[in-house]
Amino acid sequence: GIVSAESVYNSINEDTTLVTLMYANNEIGAINPITEIA
């Protein structure tokens, strides 16, 4: 249930203005690597 920083980086394009990703999931508790993603 985790999003990788690499997938975020690869998804950003010349029209991107906002990235919104949860720190920890409310259902399964998965913790995203927010520092790496930022």
PDB file of all heavy atoms in Angstrom:
ATOM      1  N   GLY A   1       0.791  -1.223   0.000  1.00  0.00           N
ATOM      2  CA  GLY A   1       0.000   0.000   0.000  1.00  0.00           C
ATOM      3  C   GLY A   1       0.821   1.268   0.000  1.00  0.00           C
ATOM      4  O   GLY A   1       0.320   2.338   0.379  1.00  0.00           O
ATOM      5  N   ILE A   2       2.068   1.190  -0.449  1.00  0.00           N
ATOM      6  CA  ILE A   2       2.994   2.327  -0.379  1.00  0.00           C
ATOM      7  C   ILE A   2       3.279   2.882  -1.770  1.00  0.00           C
ATOM      8  O   ILE A   2       3.421   2.137  -2.743  1.00  0.00           O
ATOM      9  CB  ILE A   2       4.300   1.897   0.319  1.00  0.00           C
ATOM     10  CG1 ILE A   2       4.003   1.550   1.788  1.00  0.00           C
ATOM     11  CG2 ILE A   2       5.370   2.981   0.228  1.00  0.00           C
ATOM     12  CD1 ILE A   2       5.165   0.950   2.533  1.00  0.00           C
ATOM     13  N   VAL A   3       3.377   4.210  -1.842  1.00  0.00           N
ATOM     14  CA  VAL A   3       3.728   4.907  -3.073  1.00  0.00           C
ATOM     15  C   VAL A   3       5.235   5.182  -3.058  1.00  0.00           C
ATOM     16  O   VAL A   3       5.774   5.632  -2.049  1.00  0.00           O
ATOM     17  CB  VAL A   3       2.977   6.251  -3.188  1.00  0.00           C
ATOM     18  CG1 VAL A   3       3.391   6.998  -4.448  1.00  0.00           C
ATOM     19  CG2 VAL A   3       1.468   6.022  -3.169  1.00  0.00           C
ATOM     20  N   SER A   4       5.902   4.912  -4.154  1.00  0.00           N
ATOM     21  CA  SER A   4       7.343   5.134  -4.210  1.00  0.00           C
ATOM     22  C   SER A   4       7.662   6.546  -4.681  1.00  0.00           C
ATOM     23  O   SER A   4       6.922   7.139  -5.474  1.00  0.00           O
ATOM     24  CB  SER A   4       8.012   4.123  -5.147  1.00  0.00           C
ATOM     25  OG  SER A   4       7.701   4.404  -6.501  1.00  0.00           O
ATOM     26  N   ALA A   5       8.785   7.077  -4.182  1.00  0.00           N
ATOM     27  CA  ALA A   5       9.231   8.401  -4.620  1.00  0.00           C
ATOM     28  C   ALA A   5       9.539   8.402  -6.111  1.00  0.00           C
ATOM     29  O   ALA A   5       9.308   9.393  -6.815  1.00  0.00           O
ATOM     30  CB  ALA A   5      10.460   8.821  -3.820  1.00  0.00           C
ATOM     31  N   GLU A   6      10.034   7.264  -6.613  1.00  0.00           N
ATOM     32  CA  GLU A   6      10.363   7.161  -8.035  1.00  0.00           C
ATOM     33  C   GLU A   6       9.126   7.318  -8.907  1.00  0.00           C
ATOM     34  O   GLU A   6       9.163   8.003  -9.936  1.00  0.00           O
ATOM     35  CB  GLU A   6      11.025   5.807  -8.319  1.00  0.00           C
ATOM     36  CG  GLU A   6      11.432   5.613  -9.776  1.00  0.00           C
ATOM     37  CD  GLU A   6      12.060   4.252 -10.030  1.00  0.00           C
ATOM     38  OE1 GLU A   6      12.017   3.394  -9.124  1.00  0.00           O
ATOM     39  OE2 GLU A   6      12.585   4.036 -11.144  1.00  0.00           O
ATOM     40  N   SER A   7       8.011   6.686  -8.489  1.00  0.00           N
ATOM     41  CA  SER A   7       6.787   6.796  -9.289  1.00  0.00           C
ATOM     42  C   SER A   7       6.255   8.220  -9.302  1.00  0.00           C
ATOM     43  O   SER A   7       5.711   8.685 -10.307  1.00  0.00           O
ATOM     44  CB  SER A   7       5.720   5.828  -8.760  1.00  0.00           C
ATOM     45  OG  SER A   7       5.248   6.225  -7.480  1.00  0.00           O
ATOM     46  N   VAL A   8       6.429   8.934  -8.185  1.00  0.00           N
ATOM     47  CA  VAL A   8       6.006  10.330  -8.125  1.00  0.00           C
ATOM     48  C   VAL A   8       6.862  11.166  -9.074  1.00  0.00           C
ATOM     49  O   VAL A   8       6.346  11.950  -9.880  1.00  0.00           O
ATOM     50  CB  VAL A   8       6.107  10.876  -6.687  1.00  0.00           C
ATOM     51  CG1 VAL A   8       5.770  12.371  -6.659  1.00  0.00           C
ATOM     52  CG2 VAL A   8       5.163  10.114  -5.766  1.00  0.00           C
ATOM     53  N   TYR A   9       8.164  10.988  -8.985  1.00  0.00           N
ATOM     54  CA  TYR A   9       9.101  11.733  -9.837  1.00  0.00           C
ATOM     55  C   TYR A   9       8.774  11.524 -11.312  1.00  0.00           C
ATOM     56  O   TYR A   9       8.712  12.480 -12.098  1.00  0.00           O
ATOM     57  CB  TYR A   9      10.527  11.279  -9.543  1.00  0.00           C
ATOM     58  CG  TYR A   9      11.585  11.914 -10.415  1.00  0.00           C
ATOM     59  CD1 TYR A   9      12.213  13.101 -10.033  1.00  0.00           C
ATOM     60  CD2 TYR A   9      11.961  11.328 -11.623  1.00  0.00           C
ATOM     61  CE1 TYR A   9      13.177  13.687 -10.835  1.00  0.00           C
ATOM     62  CE2 TYR A   9      12.922  11.908 -12.439  1.00  0.00           C
ATOM     63  CZ  TYR A   9      13.528  13.084 -12.035  1.00  0.00           C
ATOM     64  OH  TYR A   9      14.478  13.666 -12.839  1.00  0.00           O
ATOM     65  N   ASN A  10       8.536  10.262 -11.689  1.00  0.00           N
ATOM     66  CA  ASN A  10       8.281   9.939 -13.094  1.00  0.00           C
ATOM     67  C   ASN A  10       6.932  10.448 -13.588  1.00  0.00           C
ATOM     68  O   ASN A  10       6.723  10.575 -14.797  1.00  0.00           O
ATOM     69  CB  ASN A  10       8.365   8.425 -13.304  1.00  0.00           C
ATOM     70  CG  ASN A  10       9.781   7.895 -13.153  1.00  0.00           C
ATOM     71  OD1 ASN A  10      10.750   8.633 -13.369  1.00  0.00           O
ATOM     72  ND2 ASN A  10       9.911   6.630 -12.775  1.00  0.00           N
ATOM     73  N   SER A  11       6.023  10.744 -12.670  1.00  0.00           N
ATOM     74  CA  SER A  11       4.685  11.200 -13.059  1.00  0.00           C
ATOM     75  C   SER A  11       4.585  12.714 -13.201  1.00  0.00           C
ATOM     76  O   SER A  11       3.615  13.226 -13.760  1.00  0.00           O
ATOM     77  CB  SER A  11       3.650  10.722 -12.025  1.00  0.00           C
ATOM     78  OG  SER A  11       3.594   9.310 -11.975  1.00  0.00           O
ATOM     79  N   ILE A  12       5.572  13.423 -12.695  1.00  0.00           N
ATOM     80  CA  ILE A  12       5.546  14.887 -12.780  1.00  0.00           C
ATOM     81  C   ILE A  12       5.888  15.328 -14.197  1.00  0.00           C
ATOM     82  O   ILE A  12       6.858  14.859 -14.789  1.00  0.00           O
ATOM     83  CB  ILE A  12       6.542  15.500 -11.770  1.00  0.00           C
ATOM     84  CG1 ILE A  12       6.092  15.191 -10.337  1.00  0.00           C
ATOM     85  CG2 ILE A  12       6.662  17.008 -11.974  1.00  0.00           C
ATOM     86  CD1 ILE A  12       7.090  15.606  -9.274  1.00  0.00           C
ATOM     87  N   ASN A  13       5.078  16.228 -14.724  1.00  0.00           N
ATOM     88  CA  ASN A  13       5.333  16.751 -16.066  1.00  0.00           C
ATOM     89  C   ASN A  13       5.312  18.275 -16.061  1.00  0.00           C
ATOM     90  O   ASN A  13       5.225  18.906 -15.003  1.00  0.00           O
ATOM     91  CB  ASN A  13       4.329  16.179 -17.077  1.00  0.00           C
ATOM     92  CG  ASN A  13       2.883  16.532 -16.727  1.00  0.00           C
ATOM     93  OD1 ASN A  13       2.579  17.660 -16.338  1.00  0.00           O
ATOM     94  ND2 ASN A  13       1.984  15.556 -16.880  1.00  0.00           N
ATOM     95  N   GLU A  14       5.393  18.860 -17.221  1.00  0.00           N
ATOM     96  CA  GLU A  14       5.493  20.320 -17.334  1.00  0.00           C
ATOM     97  C   GLU A  14       4.185  21.037 -17.017  1.00  0.00           C
ATOM     98  O   GLU A  14       4.125  22.270 -17.055  1.00  0.00           O
ATOM     99  CB  GLU A  14       5.969  20.699 -18.740  1.00  0.00           C
ATOM    100  CG  GLU A  14       7.395  20.249 -19.022  1.00  0.00           C
ATOM    101  CD  GLU A  14       7.871  20.664 -20.403  1.00  0.00           C
ATOM    102  OE1 GLU A  14       7.034  21.145 -21.192  1.00  0.00           O
ATOM    103  OE2 GLU A  14       9.079  20.514 -20.672  1.00  0.00           O
ATOM    104  N   ASP A  15       3.146  20.288 -16.686  1.00  0.00           N
ATOM    105  CA  ASP A  15       1.857  20.887 -16.328  1.00  0.00           C
ATOM    106  C   ASP A  15       1.513  20.652 -14.852  1.00  0.00           C
ATOM    107  O   ASP A  15       0.488  21.120 -14.371  1.00  0.00           O
ATOM    108  CB  ASP A  15       0.765  20.286 -17.226  1.00  0.00           C
ATOM    109  CG  ASP A  15      -0.486  21.152 -17.308  1.00  0.00           C
ATOM    110  OD1 ASP A  15      -0.344  22.389 -17.372  1.00  0.00           O
ATOM    111  OD2 ASP A  15      -1.596  20.581 -17.299  1.00  0.00           O
ATOM    112  N   THR A  16       2.366  19.930 -14.127  1.00  0.00           N
ATOM    113  CA  THR A  16       2.079  19.561 -12.738  1.00  0.00           C
ATOM    114  C   THR A  16       2.224  20.762 -11.804  1.00  0.00           C
ATOM    115  O   THR A  16       3.201  21.503 -11.872  1.00  0.00           O
ATOM    116  CB  THR A  16       3.023  18.434 -12.267  1.00  0.00           C
ATOM    117  OG1 THR A  16       2.942  17.331 -13.168  1.00  0.00           O
ATOM    118  CG2 THR A  16       2.647  17.974 -10.864  1.00  0.00           C
ATOM    119  N   THR A  17       1.245  20.927 -10.919  1.00  0.00           N
ATOM    120  CA  THR A  17       1.307  22.014  -9.935  1.00  0.00           C
ATOM    121  C   THR A  17       1.173  21.514  -8.496  1.00  0.00           C
ATOM    122  O   THR A  17       1.554  22.223  -7.563  1.00  0.00           O
ATOM    123  CB  THR A  17       0.179  23.030 -10.174  1.00  0.00           C
ATOM    124  OG1 THR A  17      -1.091  22.347 -10.156  1.00  0.00           O
ATOM    125  CG2 THR A  17       0.368  23.743 -11.504  1.00  0.00           C
ATOM    126  N   LEU A  18       0.625  20.321  -8.297  1.00  0.00           N
ATOM    127  CA  LEU A  18       0.337  19.851  -6.936  1.00  0.00           C
ATOM    128  C   LEU A  18       0.517  18.342  -6.833  1.00  0.00           C
ATOM    129  O   LEU A  18       0.076  17.594  -7.707  1.00  0.00           O
ATOM    130  CB  LEU A  18      -1.103  20.221  -6.551  1.00  0.00           C
ATOM    131  CG  LEU A  18      -1.659  19.651  -5.237  1.00  0.00           C
ATOM    132  CD1 LEU A  18      -0.908  20.224  -4.036  1.00  0.00           C
ATOM    133  CD2 LEU A  18      -3.155  19.943  -5.112  1.00  0.00           C
ATOM    134  N   VAL A  19       1.163  17.907  -5.742  1.00  0.00           N
ATOM    135  CA  VAL A  19       1.245  16.495  -5.372  1.00  0.00           C
ATOM    136  C   VAL A  19       0.637  16.371  -3.980  1.00  0.00           C
ATOM    137  O   VAL A  19       1.047  17.078  -3.054  1.00  0.00           O
ATOM    138  CB  VAL A  19       2.701  15.984  -5.355  1.00  0.00           C
ATOM    139  CG1 VAL A  19       2.745  14.544  -4.859  1.00  0.00           C
ATOM    140  CG2 VAL A  19       3.324  16.100  -6.737  1.00  0.00           C
ATOM    141  N   THR A  20      -0.361  15.516  -3.819  1.00  0.00           N
ATOM    142  CA  THR A  20      -0.999  15.315  -2.521  1.00  0.00           C
ATOM    143  C   THR A  20      -1.039  13.823  -2.208  1.00  0.00           C
ATOM    144  O   THR A  20      -1.735  13.049  -2.883  1.00  0.00           O
ATOM    145  CB  THR A  20      -2.411  15.934  -2.469  1.00  0.00           C
ATOM    146  OG1 THR A  20      -3.047  15.571  -1.231  1.00  0.00           O
ATOM    147  CG2 THR A  20      -3.281  15.511  -3.640  1.00  0.00           C
ATOM    148  N   LEU A  21      -0.278  13.408  -1.197  1.00  0.00           N
ATOM    149  CA  LEU A  21      -0.157  12.007  -0.811  1.00  0.00           C
ATOM    150  C   LEU A  21      -0.201  11.877   0.708  1.00  0.00           C
ATOM    151  O   LEU A  21       0.420  12.658   1.419  1.00  0.00           O
ATOM    152  CB  LEU A  21       1.150  11.407  -1.339  1.00  0.00           C
ATOM    153  CG  LEU A  21       1.273  11.297  -2.857  1.00  0.00           C
ATOM    154  CD1 LEU A  21       2.709  10.999  -3.254  1.00  0.00           C
ATOM    155  CD2 LEU A  21       0.338  10.203  -3.382  1.00  0.00           C
ATOM    156  N   MET A  22      -0.914  10.873   1.196  1.00  0.00           N
ATOM    157  CA  MET A  22      -1.070  10.707   2.631  1.00  0.00           C
ATOM    158  C   MET A  22       0.230  10.218   3.277  1.00  0.00           C
ATOM    159  O   MET A  22       1.024   9.501   2.678  1.00  0.00           O
ATOM    160  CB  MET A  22      -2.220   9.738   2.943  1.00  0.00           C
ATOM    161  CG  MET A  22      -2.030   8.354   2.382  1.00  0.00           C
ATOM    162  SD  MET A  22      -3.464   7.229   2.543  1.00  0.00           S
ATOM    163  CE  MET A  22      -4.727   8.126   3.353  1.00  0.00           C
ATOM    164  N   TYR A  23       0.416  10.623   4.515  1.00  0.00           N
ATOM    165  CA  TYR A  23       1.571  10.210   5.312  1.00  0.00           C
ATOM    166  C   TYR A  23       1.389   8.758   5.748  1.00  0.00           C
ATOM    167  O   TYR A  23       2.314   7.943   5.627  1.00  0.00           O
ATOM    168  CB  TYR A  23       1.669  11.145   6.524  1.00  0.00           C
ATOM    169  CG  TYR A  23       2.960  11.142   7.298  1.00  0.00           C
ATOM    170  CD1 TYR A  23       3.156  12.085   8.306  1.00  0.00           C
ATOM    171  CD2 TYR A  23       3.990  10.238   7.059  1.00  0.00           C
ATOM    172  CE1 TYR A  23       4.327  12.134   9.039  1.00  0.00           C
ATOM    173  CE2 TYR A  23       5.168  10.280   7.791  1.00  0.00           C
ATOM    174  CZ  TYR A  23       5.323  11.232   8.792  1.00  0.00           C
ATOM    175  OH  TYR A  23       6.484  11.276   9.525  1.00  0.00           O
ATOM    176  N   ALA A  24       0.204   8.434   6.261  1.00  0.00           N
ATOM    177  CA  ALA A  24      -0.101   7.069   6.702  1.00  0.00           C
ATOM    178  C   ALA A  24      -1.548   6.750   6.357  1.00  0.00           C
ATOM    179  O   ALA A  24      -2.436   7.595   6.527  1.00  0.00           O
ATOM    180  CB  ALA A  24       0.131   6.911   8.194  1.00  0.00           C
ATOM    181  N   ASN A  25      -1.782   5.520   5.898  1.00  0.00           N
ATOM    182  CA  ASN A  25      -3.105   5.145   5.412  1.00  0.00           C
ATOM    183  C   ASN A  25      -4.057   4.830   6.558  1.00  0.00           C
ATOM    184  O   ASN A  25      -3.697   4.145   7.525  1.00  0.00           O
ATOM    185  CB  ASN A  25      -2.989   3.936   4.476  1.00  0.00           C
ATOM    186  CG  ASN A  25      -4.296   3.609   3.797  1.00  0.00           C
ATOM    187  OD1 ASN A  25      -5.092   2.829   4.299  1.00  0.00           O
ATOM    188  ND2 ASN A  25      -4.537   4.221   2.643  1.00  0.00           N
ATOM    189  N   ASN A  26      -5.291   5.281   6.439  1.00  0.00           N
ATOM    190  CA  ASN A  26      -6.282   5.103   7.492  1.00  0.00           C
ATOM    191  C   ASN A  26      -6.824   3.686   7.585  1.00  0.00           C
ATOM    192  O   ASN A  26      -7.322   3.274   8.632  1.00  0.00           O
ATOM    193  CB  ASN A  26      -7.441   6.082   7.297  1.00  0.00           C
ATOM    194  CG  ASN A  26      -8.059   5.988   5.918  1.00  0.00           C
ATOM    195  OD1 ASN A  26      -7.377   6.201   4.916  1.00  0.00           O
ATOM    196  ND2 ASN A  26      -9.344   5.684   5.848  1.00  0.00           N
ATOM    197  N   GLU A  27      -6.729   2.895   6.524  1.00  0.00           N
ATOM    198  CA  GLU A  27      -7.277   1.541   6.554  1.00  0.00           C
ATOM    199  C   GLU A  27      -6.236   0.487   6.908  1.00  0.00           C
ATOM    200  O   GLU A  27      -6.483  -0.385   7.734  1.00  0.00           O
ATOM    201  CB  GLU A  27      -7.927   1.195   5.214  1.00  0.00           C
ATOM    202  CG  GLU A  27      -9.221   1.939   4.961  1.00  0.00           C
ATOM    203  CD  GLU A  27     -10.021   1.336   3.814  1.00  0.00           C
ATOM    204  OE1 GLU A  27      -9.898   0.122   3.566  1.00  0.00           O
ATOM    205  OE2 GLU A  27     -10.758   2.091   3.168  1.00  0.00           O
ATOM    206  N   ILE A  28      -5.068   0.548   6.275  1.00  0.00           N
ATOM    207  CA  ILE A  28      -4.068  -0.505   6.483  1.00  0.00           C
ATOM    208  C   ILE A  28      -2.800   0.004   7.164  1.00  0.00           C
ATOM    209  O   ILE A  28      -1.864  -0.769   7.378  1.00  0.00           O
ATOM    210  CB  ILE A  28      -3.698  -1.196   5.155  1.00  0.00           C
ATOM    211  CG1 ILE A  28      -3.127  -0.174   4.160  1.00  0.00           C
ATOM    212  CG2 ILE A  28      -4.921  -1.910   4.574  1.00  0.00           C
ATOM    213  CD1 ILE A  28      -2.582  -0.813   2.893  1.00  0.00           C
ATOM    214  N   GLY A  29      -2.748   1.277   7.510  1.00  0.00           N
ATOM    215  CA  GLY A  29      -1.630   1.800   8.274  1.00  0.00           C
ATOM    216  C   GLY A  29      -0.325   1.958   7.520  1.00  0.00           C
ATOM    217  O   GLY A  29       0.719   2.231   8.138  1.00  0.00           O
ATOM    218  N   ALA A  30      -0.345   1.795   6.200  1.00  0.00           N
ATOM    219  CA  ALA A  30       0.889   1.900   5.413  1.00  0.00           C
ATOM    220  C   ALA A  30       1.472   3.308   5.515  1.00  0.00           C
ATOM    221  O   ALA A  30       0.756   4.299   5.358  1.00  0.00           O
ATOM    222  CB  ALA A  30       0.607   1.551   3.958  1.00  0.00           C
ATOM    223  N   ILE A  31       2.784   3.390   5.775  1.00  0.00           N
ATOM    224  CA  ILE A  31       3.468   4.666   5.937  1.00  0.00           C
ATOM    225  C   ILE A  31       4.240   4.988   4.664  1.00  0.00           C
ATOM    226  O   ILE A  31       5.140   4.248   4.268  1.00  0.00           O
ATOM    227  CB  ILE A  31       4.429   4.628   7.140  1.00  0.00           C
ATOM    228  CG1 ILE A  31       3.663   4.297   8.428  1.00  0.00           C
ATOM    229  CG2 ILE A  31       5.163   5.965   7.286  1.00  0.00           C
ATOM    230  CD1 ILE A  31       4.562   4.030   9.623  1.00  0.00           C
ATOM    231  N   ASN A  32       3.882   6.096   4.042  1.00  0.00           N
ATOM    232  CA  ASN A  32       4.577   6.519   2.825  1.00  0.00           C
ATOM    233  C   ASN A  32       5.896   7.222   3.167  1.00  0.00           C
ATOM    234  O   ASN A  32       5.988   7.911   4.186  1.00  0.00           O
ATOM    235  CB  ASN A  32       3.706   7.478   2.011  1.00  0.00           C
ATOM    236  CG  ASN A  32       2.709   6.763   1.125  1.00  0.00           C
ATOM    237  OD1 ASN A  32       3.020   5.728   0.540  1.00  0.00           O
ATOM    238  ND2 ASN A  32       1.508   7.305   1.024  1.00  0.00           N
ATOM    239  N   PRO A  33       6.904   7.090   2.313  1.00  0.00           N
ATOM    240  CA  PRO A  33       8.184   7.786   2.528  1.00  0.00           C
ATOM    241  C   PRO A  33       8.072   9.259   2.132  1.00  0.00           C
ATOM    242  O   PRO A  33       8.623   9.693   1.111  1.00  0.00           O
ATOM    243  CB  PRO A  33       9.136   7.011   1.614  1.00  0.00           C
ATOM    244  CG  PRO A  33       8.271   6.542   0.480  1.00  0.00           C
ATOM    245  CD  PRO A  33       6.926   6.238   1.102  1.00  0.00           C
ATOM    246  N   ILE A  34       7.359  10.030   2.935  1.00  0.00           N
ATOM    247  CA  ILE A  34       7.022  11.403   2.563  1.00  0.00           C
ATOM    248  C   ILE A  34       8.263  12.276   2.384  1.00  0.00           C
ATOM    249  O   ILE A  34       8.316  13.105   1.466  1.00  0.00           O
ATOM    250  CB  ILE A  34       6.065  12.029   3.603  1.00  0.00           C
ATOM    251  CG1 ILE A  34       4.694  11.337   3.538  1.00  0.00           C
ATOM    252  CG2 ILE A  34       5.900  13.529   3.367  1.00  0.00           C
ATOM    253  CD1 ILE A  34       3.992  11.474   2.192  1.00  0.00           C
ATOM    254  N   THR A  35       9.257  12.086   3.215  1.00  0.00           N
ATOM    255  CA  THR A  35      10.482  12.883   3.070  1.00  0.00           C
ATOM    256  C   THR A  35      11.133  12.631   1.720  1.00  0.00           C
ATOM    257  O   THR A  35      11.548  13.573   1.021  1.00  0.00           O
ATOM    258  CB  THR A  35      11.471  12.565   4.208  1.00  0.00           C
ATOM    259  OG1 THR A  35      10.858  12.859   5.468  1.00  0.00           O
ATOM    260  CG2 THR A  35      12.741  13.390   4.070  1.00  0.00           C
ATOM    261  N   GLU A  36      11.221  11.359   1.322  1.00  0.00           N
ATOM    262  CA  GLU A  36      11.804  11.017   0.020  1.00  0.00           C
ATOM    263  C   GLU A  36      10.941  11.547  -1.124  1.00  0.00           C
ATOM    264  O   GLU A  36      11.463  12.043  -2.137  1.00  0.00           O
ATOM    265  CB  GLU A  36      11.959   9.507  -0.102  1.00  0.00           C
ATOM    266  CG  GLU A  36      12.955   8.892   0.866  1.00  0.00           C
ATOM    267  CD  GLU A  36      13.009   7.385   0.725  1.00  0.00           C
ATOM    268  OE1 GLU A  36      12.602   6.857  -0.332  1.00  0.00           O
ATOM    269  OE2 GLU A  36      13.447   6.718   1.686  1.00  0.00           O
ATOM    270  N   ILE A  37       9.638  11.433  -0.964  1.00  0.00           N
ATOM    271  CA  ILE A  37       8.724  11.914  -2.006  1.00  0.00           C
ATOM    272  C   ILE A  37       8.841  13.431  -2.158  1.00  0.00           C
ATOM    273  O   ILE A  37       8.905  13.955  -3.272  1.00  0.00           O
ATOM    274  CB  ILE A  37       7.274  11.496  -1.678  1.00  0.00           C
ATOM    275  CG1 ILE A  37       7.116   9.983  -1.834  1.00  0.00           C
ATOM    276  CG2 ILE A  37       6.282  12.238  -2.576  1.00  0.00           C
ATOM    277  CD1 ILE A  37       5.785   9.442  -1.339  1.00  0.00           C
ATOM    278  N   ALA A  38       8.888  14.147  -1.036  1.00  0.00           N
ATOM    279  CA  ALA A  38       9.012  15.604  -1.087  1.00  0.00           C
ATOM    280  C   ALA A  38      10.324  16.023  -1.752  1.00  0.00           C
ATOM    281  O   ALA A  38      10.355  17.001  -2.518  1.00  0.00           O
ATOM    282  CB  ALA A  38       8.920  16.186   0.325  1.00  0.00           C
TER     283      ALA A  38
END
